[in-house]
Amino acid sequence: MKKILYLIFAMNLNVLNAESIEERLFIEANNYMIIQRYSEAILSYKKILDMGIQSGELFYNLGNAYYRNNDIGLSIWAYLSALKLKPRFKDASRNLIIAQSQIKDKIELPKSNYIFEKYIKLRSTLTFYEFILIGSLIFLTFSALTFFIRLKFLESMQIFNLNKFIIFIYLSIIIMSIDKFYIDRTDKGVIIKESAEAFSGPDYGQNKIIFRINEGVVFKIDNKKNDWVEIILIDGNKCWIENNSMRII
């Protein structure tokens, strides 16, 4: 993992291309990583974020620092933040898998069919605009193919009703694009405490603890009330947690 980290350092200095103080902080953080002073590296990376500068590489290096500092939940948050900005960032994806393997009592995803799993993977690796572009190209390709077949095999068109097929492709692209749009705009979070108490409602006195959620678990945010957040876990369970036990991606 150190080898990967050094390679990313070299790349990041070119990507950020920041002003002197930001560049100094970045070099400082990288040097802290090399000498294994991970807490200081985290502080330097966070100072850059506090200045309003974000990049996939910056979040990736921050994730490495958190992971080395044994902050598993925060490392997962940082890697996911990197992938949100740069969906096909292979180093971040690989290190995310390593960090998620450290989660205790992982929540299992509901079983789904092969095609749906491939769709989920594709959806996570493309931005919304890339999704629209590829969908449009597929639609135009099939439309052109249909037009060509009409010209060449006009008499066979009564047998092969390609109009219905084109409509199916068109509607499928629209539905998947809406799904991608919704997913991208749904707030997600990560548990950053070692163990977060899950309540039946947003109140200590009137609601009971129904279970505990381990550090590093990812969820959707459904509602907010004062210092409480209602979340939906990947298995469909809903609960309320304290705001300070999570970090929004």
Protein backbone atom coordinates (compact mmCIF):
# COMPACT_ATOMS: atom_id res chain seq x y z
CA MET A 1 0.00 0.00 0.00
CA LYS A 2 2.98 2.31 0.64
CA LYS A 3 4.06 1.86 -2.97
CA ILE A 4 0.63 2.99 -4.16
CA LEU A 5 0.75 5.95 -1.80
CA TYR A 6 4.09 7.20 -3.14
CA LEU A 7 2.83 6.98 -6.72
CA ILE A 8 -0.25 9.00 -5.83
CA PHE A 9 1.89 11.65 -4.11
CA ALA A 10 3.75 12.32 -7.33
CA MET A 11 0.51 12.56 -9.29
CA ASN A 12 -1.26 14.75 -6.75
CA LEU A 13 1.35 17.51 -6.86
CA ASN A 14 0.52 17.94 -10.53
CA VAL A 15 -3.25 17.57 -10.15
CA LEU A 16 -3.73 20.09 -7.39
CA ASN A 17 -1.39 22.72 -8.87
CA ALA A 18 -2.36 24.89 -5.95
CA GLU A 19 -1.07 28.18 -4.55
CA SER A 20 2.05 28.08 -2.37
CA ILE A 21 0.32 27.62 0.99
CA GLU A 22 -1.89 24.79 -0.29
CA GLU A 23 1.02 23.12 -2.03
CA ARG A 24 3.10 23.46 1.12
CA LEU A 25 0.37 21.80 3.19
CA PHE A 26 0.10 18.98 0.69
CA ILE A 27 3.84 18.32 0.63
CA GLU A 28 3.86 18.55 4.40
CA ALA A 29 1.08 15.96 4.68
CA ASN A 30 2.84 13.62 2.25
CA ASN A 31 6.06 13.89 4.26
CA TYR A 32 4.16 13.08 7.45
CA MET A 33 2.82 9.97 5.74
CA ILE A 34 6.32 8.86 4.77
CA ILE A 35 7.58 9.11 8.36
CA GLN A 36 4.35 7.47 9.64
CA ARG A 37 3.05 10.49 11.56
CA TYR A 38 -0.48 9.88 10.40
CA SER A 39 -2.34 12.20 12.79
CA GLU A 40 -0.29 15.18 11.57
CA ALA A 41 -0.86 14.14 7.95
CA ILE A 42 -4.61 14.05 8.55
CA LEU A 43 -4.55 17.57 10.00
CA SER A 44 -2.63 18.90 6.98
CA TYR A 45 -4.95 17.23 4.46
CA LYS A 46 -8.00 18.55 6.35
CA LYS A 47 -6.60 22.09 6.27
CA ILE A 48 -6.58 21.87 2.48
CA LEU A 49 -10.20 20.70 2.49
CA ASP A 50 -11.11 23.57 4.84
CA MET A 51 -9.76 25.94 2.19
CA GLY A 52 -12.43 24.67 -0.22
CA ILE A 53 -10.11 22.52 -2.34
CA GLN A 54 -11.35 19.02 -3.20
CA SER A 55 -10.09 16.32 -5.51
CA GLY A 56 -10.26 12.56 -5.77
CA GLU A 57 -6.53 12.32 -5.08
CA LEU A 58 -6.74 14.50 -1.97
CA PHE A 59 -9.54 12.41 -0.47
CA TYR A 60 -7.66 9.25 -1.44
CA ASN A 61 -4.54 10.30 0.45
CA LEU A 62 -6.67 11.38 3.40
CA GLY A 63 -8.28 7.94 3.35
CA ASN A 64 -4.84 6.32 3.44
CA ALA A 65 -3.89 8.46 6.43
CA TYR A 66 -7.11 7.55 8.27
CA TYR A 67 -6.61 3.86 7.50
CA ARG A 68 -3.02 3.90 8.76
CA ASN A 69 -4.28 5.72 11.86
CA ASN A 70 -6.79 2.89 12.41
CA ASP A 71 -9.80 5.16 11.76
CA ILE A 72 -11.63 2.65 9.57
CA GLY A 73 -14.93 4.50 9.35
CA LEU A 74 -13.30 7.76 8.36
CA SER A 75 -11.06 6.00 5.81
CA ILE A 76 -14.15 4.51 4.16
CA TRP A 77 -15.77 7.94 4.13
CA ALA A 78 -12.68 9.45 2.48
CA TYR A 79 -12.38 6.70 -0.17
CA LEU A 80 -16.07 7.01 -1.03
CA SER A 81 -15.67 10.79 -1.26
CA ALA A 82 -12.78 10.24 -3.66
CA LEU A 83 -14.90 7.92 -5.80
CA LYS A 84 -17.77 10.41 -5.78
CA LEU A 85 -15.48 12.93 -7.45
CA LYS A 86 -13.63 10.36 -9.57
CA PRO A 87 -15.83 7.25 -10.08
CA ARG A 88 -13.20 5.13 -11.90
CA PHE A 89 -10.37 5.79 -9.44
CA LYS A 90 -8.98 2.24 -9.24
CA ASP A 91 -6.61 2.85 -6.32
CA ALA A 92 -9.45 4.30 -4.24
CA SER A 93 -11.73 1.39 -5.17
CA ARG A 94 -9.07 -1.14 -4.20
CA ASN A 95 -8.28 0.51 -0.87
CA LEU A 96 -12.01 0.90 -0.14
CA ILE A 97 -12.40 -2.87 -0.44
CA ILE A 98 -9.46 -3.36 1.94
CA ALA A 99 -10.96 -0.92 4.47
CA GLN A 100 -14.44 -2.43 4.23
CA SER A 101 -13.00 -5.88 4.92
CA GLN A 102 -12.20 -4.58 8.43
CA ILE A 103 -15.86 -3.88 9.27
CA LYS A 104 -17.18 -6.08 12.06
CA ASP A 105 -20.44 -7.94 11.47
CA LYS A 106 -21.00 -6.56 7.98
CA ILE A 107 -24.59 -6.10 6.81
CA GLU A 108 -25.24 -8.37 3.85
CA LEU A 109 -26.87 -7.02 0.72
CA PRO A 110 -30.13 -8.67 -0.34
CA LYS A 111 -29.50 -11.24 -3.08
CA SER A 112 -30.11 -9.99 -6.60
CA ASN A 113 -29.79 -11.45 -10.08
CA TYR A 114 -26.66 -11.27 -12.23
CA ILE A 115 -27.94 -8.58 -14.63
CA PHE A 116 -29.01 -6.28 -11.79
CA GLU A 117 -25.62 -6.65 -10.08
CA LYS A 118 -23.86 -5.68 -13.31
CA TYR A 119 -26.18 -2.68 -13.68
CA ILE A 120 -25.38 -1.53 -10.13
CA LYS A 121 -21.66 -1.82 -10.85
CA LEU A 122 -22.03 0.14 -14.11
CA ARG A 123 -24.11 2.82 -12.37
CA SER A 124 -21.45 3.33 -9.71
CA THR A 125 -18.61 3.76 -12.22
CA LEU A 126 -20.25 6.38 -14.44
CA THR A 127 -21.21 9.96 -13.78
CA PHE A 128 -24.77 11.05 -14.54
CA TYR A 129 -23.71 12.82 -17.75
CA GLU A 130 -21.66 9.84 -18.92
CA PHE A 131 -24.69 7.66 -18.22
CA ILE A 132 -26.88 9.92 -20.39
CA LEU A 133 -24.26 10.05 -23.16
CA ILE A 134 -23.81 6.27 -23.37
CA GLY A 135 -27.57 5.73 -23.20
CA SER A 136 -28.12 8.22 -26.02
CA LEU A 137 -25.45 6.54 -28.16
CA ILE A 138 -27.07 3.13 -27.63
CA PHE A 139 -30.49 4.54 -28.57
CA LEU A 140 -29.15 6.25 -31.69
CA THR A 141 -27.28 3.09 -32.72
CA PHE A 142 -30.38 0.91 -32.47
CA SER A 143 -32.47 3.57 -34.21
CA ALA A 144 -30.02 3.69 -37.11
CA LEU A 145 -29.96 -0.11 -37.26
CA THR A 146 -33.76 -0.21 -37.38
CA PHE A 147 -33.82 2.34 -40.19
CA PHE A 148 -31.27 0.26 -42.15
CA ILE A 149 -33.32 -2.93 -41.70
CA ARG A 150 -36.46 -1.11 -42.85
CA LEU A 151 -34.71 -0.14 -46.07
CA LYS A 152 -33.25 -3.57 -46.74
CA PHE A 153 -36.02 -5.84 -45.51
CA LEU A 154 -39.18 -3.80 -45.81
CA GLU A 155 -41.43 -6.82 -46.31
CA SER A 156 -40.10 -8.51 -43.17
CA MET A 157 -40.97 -5.60 -40.94
CA GLN A 158 -44.41 -7.04 -40.28
CA ILE A 159 -42.72 -10.07 -38.72
CA PHE A 160 -40.07 -8.21 -36.78
CA ASN A 161 -41.77 -5.37 -34.99
CA LEU A 162 -38.66 -3.33 -34.29
CA ASN A 163 -40.66 -0.27 -33.31
CA LYS A 164 -41.60 -1.91 -30.03
CA PHE A 165 -37.99 -2.85 -29.42
CA ILE A 166 -36.81 0.73 -29.99
CA ILE A 167 -39.50 2.04 -27.64
CA PHE A 168 -38.37 -0.50 -25.04
CA ILE A 169 -34.74 0.69 -25.37
CA TYR A 170 -35.83 4.32 -25.12
CA LEU A 171 -37.96 3.78 -22.02
CA SER A 172 -35.24 1.66 -20.38
CA ILE A 173 -32.70 4.45 -20.86
CA ILE A 174 -35.09 7.01 -19.40
CA ILE A 175 -35.84 4.83 -16.35
CA MET A 176 -32.15 4.08 -15.72
CA SER A 177 -31.25 7.77 -16.12
CA ILE A 178 -33.89 8.78 -13.58
CA ASP A 179 -32.57 6.08 -11.25
CA LYS A 180 -29.00 7.38 -11.64
CA PHE A 181 -30.15 10.97 -11.06
CA TYR A 182 -31.97 9.95 -7.87
CA ILE A 183 -29.08 7.83 -6.54
CA ASP A 184 -26.54 10.61 -7.11
CA ARG A 185 -28.69 13.08 -5.20
CA THR A 186 -29.53 10.81 -2.29
CA ASP A 187 -27.44 11.72 0.72
CA LYS A 188 -25.33 8.87 2.02
CA GLY A 189 -23.26 8.56 5.16
CA VAL A 190 -20.80 6.37 7.02
CA ILE A 191 -20.68 5.39 10.68
CA ILE A 192 -17.43 6.82 12.08
CA LYS A 193 -17.79 5.73 15.70
CA GLU A 194 -16.63 2.28 16.78
CA SER A 195 -20.27 1.47 17.51
CA ALA A 196 -23.33 3.68 17.01
CA GLU A 197 -26.57 3.16 18.92
CA ALA A 198 -29.61 2.83 16.65
CA PHE A 199 -32.80 4.23 18.17
CA SER A 200 -36.45 3.77 17.24
CA GLY A 201 -36.90 7.56 17.21
CA PRO A 202 -35.05 10.87 17.56
CA ASP A 203 -35.08 11.05 21.36
CA TYR A 204 -33.24 9.40 24.24
CA GLY A 205 -36.08 9.39 26.75
CA GLN A 206 -39.02 8.28 24.63
CA ASN A 207 -37.30 5.78 22.34
CA LYS A 208 -35.28 2.64 22.92
CA ILE A 209 -32.09 1.27 21.42
CA ILE A 210 -33.08 -1.37 18.85
CA PHE A 211 -29.57 -2.44 17.76
CA ARG A 212 -26.02 -1.17 17.28
CA ILE A 213 -24.26 -0.30 14.02
CA ASN A 214 -20.55 -0.93 13.58
CA GLU A 215 -17.98 1.54 12.34
CA GLY A 216 -17.68 1.80 8.56
CA VAL A 217 -21.26 0.83 7.68
CA VAL A 218 -22.67 2.87 4.77
CA PHE A 219 -26.31 3.99 4.66
CA LYS A 220 -28.80 6.36 3.03
CA ILE A 221 -30.06 9.43 4.88
CA ASP A 222 -33.85 9.60 4.95
CA ASN A 223 -34.61 12.39 7.41
CA LYS A 224 -33.02 14.84 9.85
CA LYS A 225 -34.30 16.29 13.12
CA ASN A 226 -32.15 18.51 15.33
CA ASP A 227 -29.08 16.43 16.27
CA TRP A 228 -30.59 13.21 14.92
CA VAL A 229 -30.54 11.51 11.53
CA GLU A 230 -32.93 8.86 10.26
CA ILE A 231 -31.07 6.35 8.12
CA ILE A 232 -31.84 3.38 5.87
CA LEU A 233 -29.34 0.51 5.95
CA ILE A 234 -28.60 -1.58 2.86
CA ASP A 235 -30.80 -4.40 4.19
CA GLY A 236 -33.78 -2.01 4.38
CA ASN A 237 -33.80 -1.46 8.15
CA LYS A 238 -34.56 2.09 9.31
CA CYS A 239 -33.45 3.74 12.54
CA TRP A 240 -32.31 7.02 14.09
CA ILE A 241 -28.72 7.78 15.07
CA GLU A 242 -26.98 10.77 16.58
CA ASN A 243 -25.53 13.17 14.05
CA ASN A 244 -22.04 13.04 15.61
CA SER A 245 -21.77 9.28 14.98
CA MET A 246 -21.73 9.65 11.19
CA ARG A 247 -20.16 11.58 8.34
CA ILE A 248 -21.98 12.54 5.13
CA ILE A 249 -20.28 11.43 1.92
